[in-house]
N, C-alpha and C. Protein backbone atom coordinates (compact mmCIF):
# COMPACT_ATOMS: atom_id res chain seq x y z
N ALA A 1 16.83 15.21 -30.18
CA ALA A 1 16.88 16.24 -30.18
C ALA A 1 16.84 17.19 -31.59
N ALA A 2 17.08 17.97 -31.81
CA ALA A 2 17.16 19.05 -33.07
C ALA A 2 18.70 19.67 -33.67
N THR A 3 19.23 18.84 -34.43
CA THR A 3 20.49 19.34 -35.21
C THR A 3 20.73 20.34 -35.80
N PRO A 4 21.31 20.95 -36.10
CA PRO A 4 21.54 21.15 -37.07
C PRO A 4 21.12 20.79 -38.61
N GLU A 5 21.45 19.80 -38.85
CA GLU A 5 20.47 19.23 -40.12
C GLU A 5 19.45 18.84 -40.12
N SER A 6 18.25 18.51 -38.77
CA SER A 6 17.30 18.37 -39.01
C SER A 6 16.34 19.33 -39.88
N PRO A 7 16.04 18.59 -40.14
CA PRO A 7 14.78 19.41 -41.73
C PRO A 7 14.14 20.49 -40.56
N SER A 8 13.40 19.79 -39.06
CA SER A 8 12.81 20.41 -38.65
C SER A 8 13.15 22.02 -37.89
N LEU A 9 14.00 22.48 -38.15
CA LEU A 9 14.67 23.85 -38.29
C LEU A 9 14.72 24.54 -39.56
N PRO A 10 14.77 25.68 -39.30
CA PRO A 10 15.70 26.41 -40.58
C PRO A 10 16.91 26.74 -40.44
N ARG A 11 17.49 26.74 -41.25
CA ARG A 11 19.06 26.09 -40.99
C ARG A 11 19.56 27.44 -40.88
N ASP A 12 18.93 28.28 -40.92
CA ASP A 12 19.84 29.57 -39.88
C ASP A 12 19.13 30.20 -39.00
N CYS A 13 17.96 29.46 -38.21
CA CYS A 13 18.11 29.30 -36.30
C CYS A 13 18.82 30.81 -35.58
N LEU A 14 18.47 31.19 -35.55
CA LEU A 14 19.72 31.57 -34.37
C LEU A 14 20.47 31.56 -32.83
N SER A 15 19.50 29.92 -32.80
CA SER A 15 19.98 29.25 -32.00
C SER A 15 21.03 28.32 -31.86
N TYR A 16 21.88 28.41 -33.72
CA TYR A 16 22.61 28.08 -33.27
C TYR A 16 23.56 28.99 -34.29
N ALA A 17 23.48 29.29 -33.52
CA ALA A 17 25.09 30.87 -34.15
C ALA A 17 26.17 30.86 -33.29
N ARG A 18 27.16 30.58 -33.92
CA ARG A 18 28.24 30.38 -33.12
C ARG A 18 29.36 31.13 -33.23
N ALA A 19 30.04 32.30 -32.44
CA ALA A 19 30.77 33.63 -32.44
C ALA A 19 30.62 33.58 -31.76
N TYR A 20 31.55 34.30 -30.86
CA TYR A 20 33.20 34.79 -29.92
C TYR A 20 33.13 35.96 -30.24
N TRP A 21 32.91 36.64 -29.74
CA TRP A 21 33.87 38.13 -29.91
C TRP A 21 34.65 38.28 -28.57
N VAL A 22 35.97 37.85 -28.50
CA VAL A 22 37.22 37.99 -28.45
C VAL A 22 38.60 39.42 -27.48
N ALA A 23 37.81 40.71 -28.63
CA ALA A 23 38.49 40.92 -28.05
C ALA A 23 37.32 42.05 -28.68
N LYS A 24 38.30 43.63 -28.38
CA LYS A 24 36.96 44.87 -28.45
C LYS A 24 37.01 44.35 -29.92
N ASN A 25 37.41 44.64 -31.14
CA ASN A 25 37.57 45.14 -32.70
C ASN A 25 37.27 43.09 -33.53
N LEU A 26 37.67 42.66 -32.63
CA LEU A 26 37.62 41.10 -33.21
C LEU A 26 36.23 39.87 -32.08
N ILE A 27 36.32 39.86 -34.05
CA ILE A 27 34.61 38.51 -33.37
C ILE A 27 34.88 37.49 -33.98
N ALA A 28 35.60 35.90 -33.79
CA ALA A 28 35.54 34.74 -33.29
C ALA A 28 34.24 33.48 -34.64
N TRP A 29 34.29 33.74 -35.55
CA TRP A 29 33.18 32.97 -35.82
C TRP A 29 33.78 32.15 -37.17
N ASN A 30 32.59 30.50 -37.22
CA ASN A 30 32.82 29.40 -37.51
C ASN A 30 32.38 29.23 -38.45
N VAL A 31 32.64 30.06 -39.55
CA VAL A 31 31.37 30.08 -40.96
C VAL A 31 32.54 29.47 -42.13
N THR A 32 31.74 28.90 -43.09
CA THR A 32 31.82 27.73 -44.22
C THR A 32 32.83 28.98 -45.04
N ASP A 33 33.89 28.66 -45.97
CA ASP A 33 34.73 29.15 -47.05
C ASP A 33 33.44 30.16 -47.62
N GLU A 34 32.20 29.52 -48.15
CA GLU A 34 31.47 29.62 -48.94
C GLU A 34 30.58 31.17 -48.69
N GLU A 35 30.34 31.16 -48.19
CA GLU A 35 30.17 32.35 -47.00
C GLU A 35 30.83 33.71 -47.64
N ALA A 36 29.98 34.31 -48.23
CA ALA A 36 30.63 35.87 -48.91
C ALA A 36 30.74 37.31 -48.01
N PHE A 37 30.04 37.33 -46.82
CA PHE A 37 29.88 38.15 -46.35
C PHE A 37 29.03 38.37 -44.98
N VAL A 38 29.35 38.21 -44.27
CA VAL A 38 28.90 37.86 -42.16
C VAL A 38 28.73 39.03 -41.76
N TYR A 39 27.47 39.12 -40.82
CA TYR A 39 26.81 40.12 -39.82
C TYR A 39 26.83 40.62 -39.26
N LEU A 40 26.80 41.12 -38.44
CA LEU A 40 26.75 41.64 -36.96
C LEU A 40 25.36 42.49 -36.67
N TYR A 41 24.25 41.88 -36.24
CA TYR A 41 23.15 42.22 -36.04
C TYR A 41 22.99 42.40 -34.48
N ALA A 42 22.13 43.91 -34.11
CA ALA A 42 22.16 44.26 -33.19
C ALA A 42 20.94 44.18 -32.51
N SER A 43 19.49 44.10 -31.27
CA SER A 43 18.85 44.90 -30.68
C SER A 43 18.59 45.41 -29.75
N ARG A 44 18.26 46.33 -29.11
CA ARG A 44 18.16 47.18 -28.55
C ARG A 44 17.30 46.29 -27.78
N GLU A 45 16.09 45.90 -28.44
CA GLU A 45 14.62 45.36 -27.38
C GLU A 45 14.82 44.09 -27.37
N ALA A 46 15.79 43.06 -27.92
CA ALA A 46 15.96 41.68 -27.73
C ALA A 46 14.87 41.13 -28.86
N SER A 47 14.30 41.87 -29.74
CA SER A 47 13.36 41.85 -30.50
C SER A 47 14.15 41.04 -32.21
N LEU A 48 15.11 40.26 -31.76
CA LEU A 48 15.28 39.87 -33.34
C LEU A 48 15.00 38.28 -33.47
N SER A 49 14.23 38.23 -34.75
CA SER A 49 14.28 36.92 -35.43
C SER A 49 14.39 36.57 -36.83
N VAL A 50 14.31 35.02 -37.43
CA VAL A 50 14.84 35.44 -38.19
C VAL A 50 13.04 34.79 -39.51
N THR A 51 13.46 35.82 -40.41
CA THR A 51 11.91 34.82 -41.01
C THR A 51 12.35 35.10 -42.82
N ASP A 52 11.16 34.41 -43.58
CA ASP A 52 11.66 33.67 -44.48
C ASP A 52 12.34 35.51 -45.93
N ASP A 53 12.04 36.12 -44.99
CA ASP A 53 13.02 37.05 -45.64
C ASP A 53 14.33 38.29 -45.36
N GLY A 54 15.14 36.82 -44.33
CA GLY A 54 15.43 37.83 -44.00
C GLY A 54 16.01 37.62 -41.63
N ILE A 55 16.26 38.32 -41.59
CA ILE A 55 16.58 38.80 -39.90
C ILE A 55 16.17 39.62 -40.01
N GLU A 56 15.17 40.56 -39.06
CA GLU A 56 14.28 41.75 -38.84
C GLU A 56 14.27 41.90 -36.93
N GLY A 57 14.04 43.03 -37.02
CA GLY A 57 13.88 43.24 -35.63
C GLY A 57 15.01 44.49 -35.59
N HIS A 58 15.99 44.29 -36.32
CA HIS A 58 17.62 44.69 -35.70
C HIS A 58 17.65 46.28 -35.73
N ASP A 59 18.21 46.80 -34.56
CA ASP A 59 18.24 48.61 -34.88
C ASP A 59 20.22 48.89 -35.63
N VAL A 60 20.56 47.64 -35.69
CA VAL A 60 21.67 48.09 -36.16
C VAL A 60 22.66 46.90 -37.15
N LYS A 61 22.85 46.42 -38.32
CA LYS A 61 23.77 45.66 -38.83
C LYS A 61 25.08 46.07 -39.30
N ILE A 62 25.68 46.10 -39.23
CA ILE A 62 27.07 45.39 -39.45
C ILE A 62 28.25 44.74 -40.22
N GLN A 63 28.71 44.70 -41.55
CA GLN A 63 29.15 43.73 -42.25
C GLN A 63 30.51 43.70 -41.78
N LEU A 64 30.88 42.28 -41.08
CA LEU A 64 31.81 42.55 -40.47
C LEU A 64 33.32 42.29 -41.35
N GLU A 65 34.26 43.16 -41.34
CA GLU A 65 35.43 42.13 -42.44
C GLU A 65 36.02 41.45 -42.04
N PRO A 66 36.09 39.79 -42.89
CA PRO A 66 37.42 39.24 -42.99
C PRO A 66 38.68 39.80 -42.38
N GLU A 67 40.05 38.69 -41.07
CA GLU A 67 40.71 39.40 -41.56
C GLU A 67 41.24 38.38 -41.99
N GLN A 68 42.69 38.64 -42.83
CA GLN A 68 43.11 37.95 -43.26
C GLN A 68 44.27 36.94 -42.36
N CYS A 69 44.64 37.35 -41.15
CA CYS A 69 45.17 37.05 -40.25
C CYS A 69 44.05 35.52 -39.17
N ARG A 70 44.61 34.62 -38.77
CA ARG A 70 44.17 34.14 -38.13
C ARG A 70 44.11 34.73 -36.77
N LEU A 71 42.86 34.47 -36.05
CA LEU A 71 42.82 34.80 -34.23
C LEU A 71 44.19 34.63 -33.81
N PRO A 72 44.80 35.44 -33.46
CA PRO A 72 45.80 36.08 -32.19
C PRO A 72 45.86 35.03 -31.37
N GLU A 73 47.15 34.56 -31.87
CA GLU A 73 47.82 33.45 -30.77
C GLU A 73 47.46 33.92 -29.32
N ASN A 74 47.49 34.96 -28.52
CA ASN A 74 46.53 35.50 -27.47
C ASN A 74 45.19 34.52 -26.73
N VAL A 75 44.59 35.11 -28.13
CA VAL A 75 43.02 34.40 -28.11
C VAL A 75 43.14 32.89 -28.23
N THR A 76 43.59 32.04 -29.39
CA THR A 76 43.96 30.12 -29.25
C THR A 76 43.98 30.00 -28.19
N GLN A 77 44.92 30.59 -27.43
CA GLN A 77 45.57 29.90 -26.06
C GLN A 77 44.52 30.13 -25.54
N LYS A 78 44.24 31.00 -25.37
CA LYS A 78 42.65 31.20 -24.06
C LYS A 78 41.16 30.76 -24.52
N PHE A 79 40.64 30.32 -25.71
CA PHE A 79 40.02 29.20 -26.07
C PHE A 79 40.43 28.65 -26.76
N CYS A 80 41.02 27.55 -27.04
CA CYS A 80 41.76 26.73 -28.06
C CYS A 80 40.60 25.59 -28.71
N HIS A 81 39.32 25.90 -28.28
CA HIS A 81 38.19 25.46 -28.44
C HIS A 81 37.77 26.23 -29.92
N ILE A 82 38.25 27.21 -30.45
CA ILE A 82 38.00 28.36 -31.11
C ILE A 82 39.16 28.63 -32.14
N SER A 83 39.81 27.56 -32.08
CA SER A 83 41.65 28.03 -32.50
C SER A 83 41.37 27.93 -34.23
N ASN A 84 40.26 27.18 -34.40
CA ASN A 84 40.16 26.77 -36.30
C ASN A 84 39.32 28.55 -36.58
N TYR A 85 38.57 28.83 -35.45
CA TYR A 85 37.56 29.58 -36.47
C TYR A 85 38.08 31.06 -37.44
N LYS A 86 36.99 31.87 -38.18
CA LYS A 86 37.53 32.23 -38.95
C LYS A 86 37.45 33.70 -38.39
N ALA A 87 38.14 35.14 -38.55
CA ALA A 87 38.76 36.00 -37.32
C ALA A 87 37.96 37.40 -38.56
N PHE A 88 37.07 37.89 -37.56
CA PHE A 88 36.26 38.97 -38.62
C PHE A 88 36.78 40.45 -37.77
N LYS A 89 37.22 41.61 -38.61
CA LYS A 89 37.29 42.75 -37.29
C LYS A 89 35.82 43.72 -37.79
N VAL A 90 35.24 43.89 -36.42
CA VAL A 90 34.88 44.84 -36.47
C VAL A 90 34.94 46.02 -36.54
N PRO A 91 34.55 46.78 -38.12
CA PRO A 91 34.96 48.10 -38.02
C PRO A 91 35.50 48.80 -37.50
N ASP A 92 35.90 49.93 -37.65
CA ASP A 92 37.17 51.21 -36.25
C ASP A 92 35.72 52.46 -36.49
N SER A 93 34.66 52.84 -37.49
CA SER A 93 33.54 52.84 -37.30
C SER A 93 32.68 53.28 -36.30
N MET A 94 32.38 51.84 -35.97
CA MET A 94 31.67 50.88 -34.69
C MET A 94 32.18 51.52 -33.39
N ASN A 95 31.10 52.15 -32.74
CA ASN A 95 31.60 52.72 -31.69
C ASN A 95 31.28 51.80 -30.33
N VAL A 96 32.05 50.51 -30.24
CA VAL A 96 31.77 49.12 -29.26
C VAL A 96 32.00 49.21 -27.93
N ALA A 97 32.12 50.73 -27.43
CA ALA A 97 32.27 50.80 -25.66
C ALA A 97 31.11 50.41 -25.34
């Protein structure tokens, strides 16, 4: 079986994405500290793909804002397996309804 460290798959392969939308405006994501910007991509036609040039096929690209606080206690109690994930806020200007 391939692993994220496997040289046979690109490091940014979509099958290794590990994020959870835990509240209307909050995403929990297990990213490393050295990552400066985190984006949420969406495609109405489910046509996202990773190329040498980055993510393609998206209709929407949203930069997520890092939360200074950790994930809320009600989230970590319900989903204890993600308690160490970083919290990112979906901008208020984004309609996620």
